[in-house]
């Protein structure tokens, strides 16, 4: 019995996916998922580290994306819907659209690259 229980616990914890005794139940993690991760580059593919990024979801209010490392920005946490992401640097502006969906627990994060000329 102990071996069966240990195997079941190991099976549930290792993949970090839903695991329950009933097919109708889902066990979700408490880790928040980023909605959209955006890398910003210039026309040569070099990292752009001084851009300003904002986003809207389903036409709502504009919010700032958070720069997490060099040219990588996180836009939204656990927000699903139609995203419009705007990157601005000096006089250059570029807009990208992406749709973020969700499952029973979290959003299905999207990644994209925006090229600023």
Protein backbone atom coordinates (compact mmCIF):
# COMPACT_ATOMS: atom_id res chain seq x y z
CA UNK A 1 0.00 0.00 0.00
CA UNK A 2 2.81 2.42 0.88
CA UNK A 3 4.54 1.70 -2.41
CA UNK A 4 1.33 2.36 -4.33
CA UNK A 5 0.76 5.63 -2.45
CA UNK A 6 4.38 6.73 -2.97
CA UNK A 7 4.11 5.93 -6.68
CA UNK A 8 0.86 7.87 -6.99
CA UNK A 9 2.32 10.90 -5.18
CA UNK A 10 5.45 10.74 -7.32
CA UNK A 11 3.36 10.48 -10.49
CA UNK A 12 1.31 13.51 -9.49
CA UNK A 13 4.21 15.73 -8.45
CA UNK A 14 6.80 15.10 -11.13
CA UNK A 15 4.85 16.27 -14.18
CA UNK A 16 3.30 19.20 -12.27
CA UNK A 17 -0.01 18.65 -13.99
CA UNK A 18 -3.48 18.00 -12.72
CA UNK A 19 -3.75 14.79 -10.76
CA UNK A 20 -6.76 13.80 -8.75
CA UNK A 21 -8.85 10.86 -7.73
CA UNK A 22 -11.75 11.86 -9.98
CA UNK A 23 -11.71 12.72 -13.67
CA UNK A 24 -13.89 15.78 -12.93
CA UNK A 25 -11.42 17.36 -10.52
CA UNK A 26 -8.37 19.40 -11.50
CA UNK A 27 -5.53 20.37 -9.19
CA UNK A 28 -3.98 23.67 -10.24
CA UNK A 29 -0.62 25.10 -9.29
CA UNK A 30 -0.40 28.43 -7.48
CA UNK A 31 2.24 29.78 -9.87
CA UNK A 32 0.93 32.73 -11.89
CA UNK A 33 1.47 32.52 -15.65
CA UNK A 34 2.68 35.42 -17.78
CA UNK A 35 0.22 36.20 -20.57
CA UNK A 36 2.65 37.43 -23.24
CA UNK A 37 6.44 37.56 -23.29
CA UNK A 38 7.86 39.97 -25.87
CA UNK A 39 11.42 40.19 -27.15
CA UNK A 40 12.29 43.49 -28.84
CA UNK A 41 15.03 43.68 -31.48
CA UNK A 42 16.17 46.15 -34.13
CA UNK A 43 16.33 45.54 -37.88
CA UNK A 44 19.69 43.75 -37.51
CA UNK A 45 18.35 41.44 -34.78
CA UNK A 46 20.24 43.19 -31.98
CA UNK A 47 18.51 43.48 -28.62
CA UNK A 48 16.62 46.73 -27.98
CA UNK A 49 16.91 47.47 -24.27
CA UNK A 50 15.37 50.94 -24.08
CA UNK A 51 11.89 50.46 -25.56
CA UNK A 52 8.66 51.29 -23.81
CA UNK A 53 5.98 48.60 -24.11
CA UNK A 54 2.30 48.83 -23.29
CA UNK A 55 -0.63 46.51 -23.88
CA UNK A 56 -4.40 46.43 -23.89
CA UNK A 57 -6.67 43.41 -23.53
CA UNK A 58 -10.00 43.33 -25.39
CA UNK A 59 -9.84 47.10 -25.96
CA UNK A 60 -9.48 47.88 -22.25
CA UNK A 61 -7.18 50.42 -20.62
CA UNK A 62 -3.51 50.57 -21.58
CA UNK A 63 -1.09 48.98 -19.10
CA UNK A 64 2.70 48.93 -18.97
CA UNK A 65 4.65 45.79 -19.75
CA UNK A 66 7.46 44.94 -17.33
CA UNK A 67 11.01 44.68 -18.60
CA UNK A 68 12.41 41.52 -17.03
CA UNK A 69 15.81 41.21 -18.67
CA UNK A 70 17.55 43.21 -21.43
CA UNK A 71 15.11 43.12 -24.35
CA UNK A 72 12.48 40.82 -22.80
CA UNK A 73 9.19 42.18 -21.48
CA UNK A 74 6.26 40.52 -19.69
CA UNK A 75 2.80 41.80 -20.60
CA UNK A 76 -0.01 40.69 -18.31
CA UNK A 77 -0.30 38.05 -15.63
CA UNK A 78 -3.14 35.53 -15.91
CA UNK A 79 -4.98 37.78 -18.37
CA UNK A 80 -6.65 36.13 -21.37
CA UNK A 81 -8.10 37.82 -24.44
CA UNK A 82 -7.05 39.78 -27.49
CA UNK A 83 -3.84 41.64 -26.72
CA UNK A 84 -2.60 44.68 -28.62
CA UNK A 85 1.02 45.32 -27.70
CA UNK A 86 2.75 48.58 -28.62
CA UNK A 87 6.52 49.03 -28.54
CA UNK A 88 8.00 52.53 -28.80
CA UNK A 89 11.60 53.67 -29.02
CA UNK A 90 12.54 57.19 -30.04
CA UNK A 91 10.25 57.91 -33.01
CA UNK A 92 9.68 54.26 -33.94
CA UNK A 93 6.44 52.54 -32.95
CA UNK A 94 5.34 49.01 -33.74
CA UNK A 95 2.11 47.25 -32.79
CA UNK A 96 1.48 43.51 -32.59
CA UNK A 97 -1.67 41.51 -31.90
CA UNK A 98 -1.87 38.14 -30.16
CA UNK A 99 -4.69 36.13 -28.63
CA UNK A 100 -4.15 34.52 -25.24
CA UNK A 101 -6.40 31.66 -24.18
CA UNK A 102 -6.65 29.79 -20.89
CA UNK A 103 -7.34 26.33 -19.57
CA UNK A 104 -9.00 25.41 -16.28
CA UNK A 105 -6.07 26.76 -14.29
CA UNK A 106 -3.94 29.28 -16.14
CA UNK A 107 -3.49 31.29 -19.29
CA UNK A 108 -1.58 29.69 -22.13
CA UNK A 109 1.29 32.13 -22.40
CA UNK A 110 2.33 33.44 -25.80
CA UNK A 111 5.70 34.70 -26.98
CA UNK A 112 6.47 37.10 -29.78
CA UNK A 113 9.23 39.23 -31.18
CA UNK A 114 8.75 42.85 -32.18
CA UNK A 115 11.26 44.44 -34.54
CA UNK A 116 11.69 48.19 -34.12
CA UNK A 117 13.40 49.95 -37.02
